[in-house]
N, C-alpha and C. Protein backbone atom coordinates (compact mmCIF):
# COMPACT_ATOMS: atom_id res chain seq x y z
N UNK A 1 4.61 3.22 8.32
CA UNK A 1 3.70 2.54 7.83
C UNK A 1 4.10 1.68 6.62
N UNK A 2 3.60 0.64 6.53
CA UNK A 2 3.69 -0.39 5.53
C UNK A 2 3.10 0.04 4.24
N UNK A 3 1.66 0.60 4.11
CA UNK A 3 1.00 0.86 3.24
C UNK A 3 0.83 2.36 2.96
N UNK A 4 0.59 3.01 2.09
CA UNK A 4 0.48 4.39 1.93
C UNK A 4 -0.74 4.43 0.49
N UNK A 5 -1.75 4.98 0.67
CA UNK A 5 -2.62 5.10 -0.46
C UNK A 5 -2.53 6.74 -0.95
N UNK A 6 -2.26 6.58 -2.20
CA UNK A 6 -1.87 8.07 -2.69
C UNK A 6 -3.01 8.20 -4.23
N UNK A 7 -3.43 9.38 -4.43
CA UNK A 7 -3.85 9.46 -5.83
C UNK A 7 -2.97 9.83 -7.04
N UNK A 8 -3.35 8.77 -8.11
CA UNK A 8 -2.46 9.23 -9.43
C UNK A 8 -3.12 10.41 -10.16
N UNK A 9 -2.07 10.50 -11.09
CA UNK A 9 -2.47 11.64 -11.88
C UNK A 9 -3.90 11.53 -12.57
N UNK A 10 -4.52 10.47 -12.91
CA UNK A 10 -5.51 10.16 -13.70
C UNK A 10 -6.86 10.11 -12.66
N UNK A 11 -6.53 10.62 -11.52
CA UNK A 11 -7.56 10.73 -10.53
C UNK A 11 -7.90 9.47 -9.87
N UNK A 12 -7.20 8.31 -10.02
CA UNK A 12 -7.41 6.71 -9.72
C UNK A 12 -6.54 6.96 -8.59
N UNK A 13 -6.57 5.85 -7.68
CA UNK A 13 -6.26 5.58 -6.25
C UNK A 13 -5.00 4.26 -6.58
N UNK A 14 -3.61 4.56 -5.72
CA UNK A 14 -2.68 3.40 -5.72
C UNK A 14 -2.47 2.96 -4.41
N UNK A 15 -1.92 2.19 -4.13
CA UNK A 15 -1.53 1.72 -2.92
C UNK A 15 0.44 1.30 -2.75
N UNK A 16 0.83 2.36 -1.98
CA UNK A 16 2.69 2.13 -2.13
C UNK A 16 2.99 1.22 -0.97
N UNK A 17 3.59 0.16 -1.24
CA UNK A 17 4.19 -0.64 -0.20
C UNK A 17 5.52 0.08 0.23
N UNK A 18 5.92 0.49 1.59
CA UNK A 18 7.60 1.06 1.97
C UNK A 18 8.19 -0.58 1.79
N UNK A 19 7.57 -1.71 2.25
CA UNK A 19 8.31 -2.74 2.19
C UNK A 19 8.71 -3.09 0.82
N UNK A 20 8.33 -3.18 -0.03
CA UNK A 20 8.94 -3.37 -1.54
C UNK A 20 9.39 -2.14 -2.07
N UNK A 21 9.01 -1.00 -2.01
CA UNK A 21 9.29 0.46 -2.34
C UNK A 21 8.77 0.31 -4.02
N UNK A 22 7.32 -0.18 -3.81
CA UNK A 22 6.54 -0.08 -5.15
C UNK A 22 5.14 0.09 -5.00
N UNK A 23 4.51 0.25 -6.06
CA UNK A 23 2.85 0.22 -5.71
C UNK A 23 2.48 -1.16 -5.89
N UNK A 24 1.85 -1.58 -5.00
CA UNK A 24 0.96 -3.22 -5.17
C UNK A 24 -0.23 -2.70 -5.57
N UNK A 25 -0.90 -1.86 -5.80
CA UNK A 25 -2.35 -1.72 -6.42
C UNK A 25 -2.28 -0.47 -6.92
N UNK A 26 -2.96 -0.28 -8.35
CA UNK A 26 -2.81 0.87 -9.06
C UNK A 26 -4.25 0.67 -10.02
N UNK A 27 -4.72 2.05 -10.07
CA UNK A 27 -5.89 2.29 -10.92
C UNK A 27 -6.85 1.98 -10.23
N UNK A 28 -7.10 1.86 -9.00
CA UNK A 28 -8.31 1.56 -8.51
C UNK A 28 -9.11 3.10 -7.91
N UNK A 29 -10.56 2.73 -7.74
CA UNK A 29 -11.28 3.64 -7.36
C UNK A 29 -11.43 3.56 -5.61
N UNK A 30 -12.14 4.58 -4.98
CA UNK A 30 -12.00 4.55 -3.72
C UNK A 30 -12.88 3.10 -3.27
N UNK A 31 -13.90 2.88 -3.79
CA UNK A 31 -14.52 1.50 -3.27
C UNK A 31 -13.54 0.28 -3.54
N UNK A 32 -12.63 0.40 -4.28
CA UNK A 32 -11.99 -0.82 -4.56
C UNK A 32 -11.16 -0.88 -3.57
N UNK A 33 -10.44 0.51 -3.33
CA UNK A 33 -9.10 0.37 -2.13
C UNK A 33 -9.90 0.13 -0.97
N UNK A 34 -11.11 0.44 -0.59
CA UNK A 34 -12.14 0.11 0.86
C UNK A 34 -11.94 -1.23 0.78
N UNK A 35 -12.52 -1.90 -0.16
CA UNK A 35 -12.66 -3.53 -0.24
C UNK A 35 -11.61 -4.11 -0.13
N UNK A 36 -10.39 -3.99 -0.49
CA UNK A 36 -8.89 -4.35 -0.11
C UNK A 36 -8.66 -4.34 1.02
N UNK A 37 -9.02 -3.24 1.73
CA UNK A 37 -8.85 -3.05 3.36
C UNK A 37 -9.72 -3.60 3.88
N UNK A 38 -10.97 -3.73 3.66
CA UNK A 38 -11.88 -4.58 4.22
C UNK A 38 -11.82 -5.96 4.17
N UNK A 39 -11.01 -6.67 3.02
CA UNK A 39 -10.80 -8.13 3.02
C UNK A 39 -10.03 -8.44 3.78
N UNK A 40 -8.79 -7.45 4.46
CA UNK A 40 -7.93 -7.95 5.46
C UNK A 40 -8.62 -7.90 6.86
N UNK A 41 -9.65 -7.68 6.85
CA UNK A 41 -10.57 -7.90 8.17
C UNK A 41 -10.15 -7.25 9.58
N UNK A 42 -9.83 -6.07 9.03
CA UNK A 42 -9.22 -5.25 10.21
C UNK A 42 -9.90 -3.73 10.39
N UNK A 43 -10.73 -3.50 10.85
CA UNK A 43 -12.00 -2.21 11.06
C UNK A 43 -10.86 -1.00 11.03
N UNK A 44 -9.78 -1.15 11.95
CA UNK A 44 -8.78 0.15 12.54
C UNK A 44 -8.23 0.54 10.91
N UNK A 45 -7.90 -0.52 10.19
CA UNK A 45 -7.17 -0.10 9.05
C UNK A 45 -8.05 0.42 7.88
N UNK A 46 -9.37 -0.12 7.97
CA UNK A 46 -10.37 0.30 7.06
C UNK A 46 -10.64 1.98 7.33
N UNK A 47 -10.82 2.01 8.47
CA UNK A 47 -10.62 3.90 8.93
C UNK A 47 -9.41 4.39 8.70
N UNK A 48 -8.38 3.79 8.57
CA UNK A 48 -7.10 4.38 8.24
C UNK A 48 -7.27 4.44 6.65
N UNK A 49 -7.63 3.67 6.03
CA UNK A 49 -7.72 3.97 4.66
C UNK A 49 -8.93 5.22 4.03
N UNK A 50 -9.90 4.93 4.63
CA UNK A 50 -11.01 6.17 4.45
C UNK A 50 -10.48 7.33 4.77
N UNK A 51 -9.59 7.54 5.94
CA UNK A 51 -8.86 8.66 5.97
C UNK A 51 -7.67 9.32 4.96
N UNK A 52 -6.98 7.99 4.47
CA UNK A 52 -6.19 8.48 3.43
C UNK A 52 -6.60 8.76 2.32
N UNK A 53 -7.88 8.23 1.95
CA UNK A 53 -8.43 8.56 0.69
C UNK A 53 -8.83 10.11 1.12
N UNK A 54 -9.31 10.38 1.99
CA UNK A 54 -9.98 11.75 2.06
C UNK A 54 -8.97 12.78 1.91
N UNK A 55 -7.62 12.32 2.48
CA UNK A 55 -6.33 13.32 2.41
C UNK A 55 -6.04 13.50 0.73
N UNK A 56 -6.28 12.62 -0.11
CA UNK A 56 -5.62 12.59 -1.48
C UNK A 56 -4.21 13.22 -1.91
N UNK A 57 -3.36 11.98 -0.91
CA UNK A 57 -2.23 12.48 -1.04
C UNK A 57 -1.97 12.37 -2.82
N UNK A 58 -1.00 12.95 -3.38
CA UNK A 58 -0.77 12.80 -4.92
C UNK A 58 0.69 11.65 -5.09
N UNK A 59 0.71 10.87 -5.91
CA UNK A 59 1.45 9.99 -6.47
C UNK A 59 2.68 11.16 -6.77
N UNK A 60 3.91 10.68 -6.39
CA UNK A 60 4.82 11.75 -6.84
C UNK A 60 5.61 11.34 -8.25
N UNK A 61 5.87 12.17 -9.17
CA UNK A 61 6.70 11.50 -10.23
C UNK A 61 7.48 10.30 -10.65
N UNK A 62 8.24 10.08 -9.59
CA UNK A 62 8.45 8.84 -9.72
C UNK A 62 7.81 7.90 -9.37
N UNK A 63 6.83 7.94 -8.66
CA UNK A 63 5.89 6.91 -8.37
C UNK A 63 4.90 6.77 -9.63
N UNK A 64 4.71 7.37 -10.51
CA UNK A 64 4.10 7.59 -11.86
C UNK A 64 4.57 6.57 -12.73
N UNK A 65 6.04 6.78 -12.79
CA UNK A 65 7.08 5.84 -13.76
C UNK A 65 6.84 4.45 -13.29
N UNK A 66 6.88 4.13 -11.68
CA UNK A 66 6.68 2.81 -11.52
C UNK A 66 5.36 2.04 -11.57
N UNK A 67 3.89 2.97 -11.61
CA UNK A 67 3.06 2.50 -11.64
C UNK A 67 2.83 2.04 -13.43
N UNK A 68 3.25 2.69 -14.39
CA UNK A 68 3.42 2.77 -15.76
C UNK A 68 4.15 1.45 -16.16
N UNK A 69 5.32 1.13 -15.13
CA UNK A 69 5.95 -0.09 -15.25
C UNK A 69 5.07 -0.73 -15.02
N UNK A 70 4.27 -0.92 -14.16
CA UNK A 70 3.39 -2.10 -13.47
C UNK A 70 2.61 -2.37 -14.61
N UNK A 71 1.71 -1.35 -15.28
CA UNK A 71 0.87 -1.65 -16.41
C UNK A 71 1.39 -2.24 -17.54
N UNK A 72 2.69 -1.88 -17.67
CA UNK A 72 3.47 -2.86 -18.89
C UNK A 72 3.60 -4.00 -18.47
N UNK A 73 4.12 -4.45 -17.14
CA UNK A 73 4.21 -5.91 -16.79
C UNK A 73 2.76 -6.41 -16.90
N UNK A 74 1.56 -5.80 -16.78
CA UNK A 74 0.45 -6.32 -16.79
C UNK A 74 -0.12 -6.57 -15.18
N UNK A 75 0.56 -6.11 -14.24
CA UNK A 75 0.18 -6.12 -12.91
C UNK A 75 1.35 -5.75 -12.03
N UNK A 76 0.70 -4.98 -10.92
CA UNK A 76 1.98 -4.70 -9.78
C UNK A 76 2.56 -5.90 -8.81
N UNK A 77 3.48 -5.41 -8.58
CA UNK A 77 4.16 -6.43 -7.80
C UNK A 77 3.50 -6.87 -6.41
N UNK A 78 3.52 -7.82 -5.76
CA UNK A 78 2.85 -8.17 -4.57
C UNK A 78 3.80 -8.28 -3.59
N UNK A 79 3.25 -8.21 -2.31
CA UNK A 79 4.05 -8.43 -1.03
C UNK A 79 3.88 -10.11 -0.68
N UNK A 80 2.91 -10.48 -1.25
CA UNK A 80 2.59 -12.02 -0.72
C UNK A 80 1.17 -11.60 0.34
N UNK A 81 0.63 -13.05 0.47
CA UNK A 81 -0.45 -13.26 1.20
C UNK A 81 0.06 -13.09 2.87
N UNK A 82 0.99 -13.45 2.89
CA UNK A 82 1.66 -13.48 4.48
C UNK A 82 1.83 -12.46 5.10
N UNK A 83 1.84 -11.30 4.45
CA UNK A 83 2.45 -10.00 4.95
C UNK A 83 0.71 -9.25 5.41
N UNK A 84 0.85 -9.01 6.70
CA UNK A 84 -0.25 -8.33 7.10
C UNK A 84 -0.13 -6.80 6.82
N UNK A 85 -1.22 -6.12 6.62
CA UNK A 85 -1.02 -4.51 6.85
C UNK A 85 -0.63 -4.01 8.02
N UNK A 86 0.24 -3.30 8.00
CA UNK A 86 0.80 -2.34 9.12
C UNK A 86 2.04 -2.95 9.81
N UNK A 87 2.75 -3.85 8.90
CA UNK A 87 3.77 -4.34 9.82
C UNK A 87 4.89 -3.62 9.74
N UNK A 88 6.18 -3.60 10.31
CA UNK A 88 6.96 -3.09 10.48
C UNK A 88 8.19 -3.28 9.18
N UNK A 89 7.98 -4.23 8.92
CA UNK A 89 9.29 -4.73 7.58
C UNK A 89 9.94 -5.74 8.43
N UNK A 90 9.76 -6.08 9.76
CA UNK A 90 10.65 -6.97 9.97
C UNK A 90 9.84 -8.48 10.59
N UNK A 91 10.26 -9.59 9.89
CA UNK A 91 9.46 -10.87 10.39
C UNK A 91 9.64 -10.99 11.72
N UNK A 92 8.73 -11.57 12.19
CA UNK A 92 8.54 -11.88 13.74
C UNK A 92 10.32 -13.15 13.87
N UNK A 93 10.73 -12.67 15.00
CA UNK A 93 12.23 -13.41 14.92
C UNK A 93 13.16 -12.95 14.25
N UNK A 94 12.96 -12.11 13.46
CA UNK A 94 13.95 -11.37 12.53
C UNK A 94 15.06 -10.61 13.54
N UNK A 95 14.29 -9.42 14.40
CA UNK A 95 15.19 -8.81 15.49
C UNK A 95 15.20 -9.26 16.93
N UNK A 96 16.17 -9.51 17.56
CA UNK A 96 16.25 -9.74 18.54
C UNK A 96 15.73 -8.50 19.66
N UNK A 97 14.68 -8.88 20.67
CA UNK A 97 14.35 -7.84 21.75
C UNK A 97 15.12 -7.46 22.51
N UNK A 98 16.05 -8.32 22.83
CA UNK A 98 17.06 -7.98 23.96
C UNK A 98 17.88 -6.97 23.24
N UNK A 99 18.00 -6.69 21.72
CA UNK A 99 19.10 -5.56 21.34
C UNK A 99 18.16 -4.41 20.99
N UNK A 100 16.94 -4.35 21.18
CA UNK A 100 16.15 -3.18 20.59
C UNK A 100 16.41 -2.10 21.87
N UNK A 101 16.60 -1.11 21.49
CA UNK A 101 16.44 0.13 22.36
C UNK A 101 15.54 0.93 22.63
């Protein structure tokens, strides 16, 4: 999974990116999270976001530290606009399909 929605200690939500090992969205409400996923234009990911919001997975303590660092920077890091939700972490062509077992 490339993105994971977690609930912060303040009750708001954050999106954690396993690709960059940091939170790319912080202090969002459920509607903002849905809008982010909806803007990507993929219904299956919107359903995934809704399911994750329902689970209310808590941000771990070390994650709260990363969120606070993003607040101090003034914004969270970005993955870049070319990175779709759900990517494996490998750009096309980076792995040789002949060597994948």
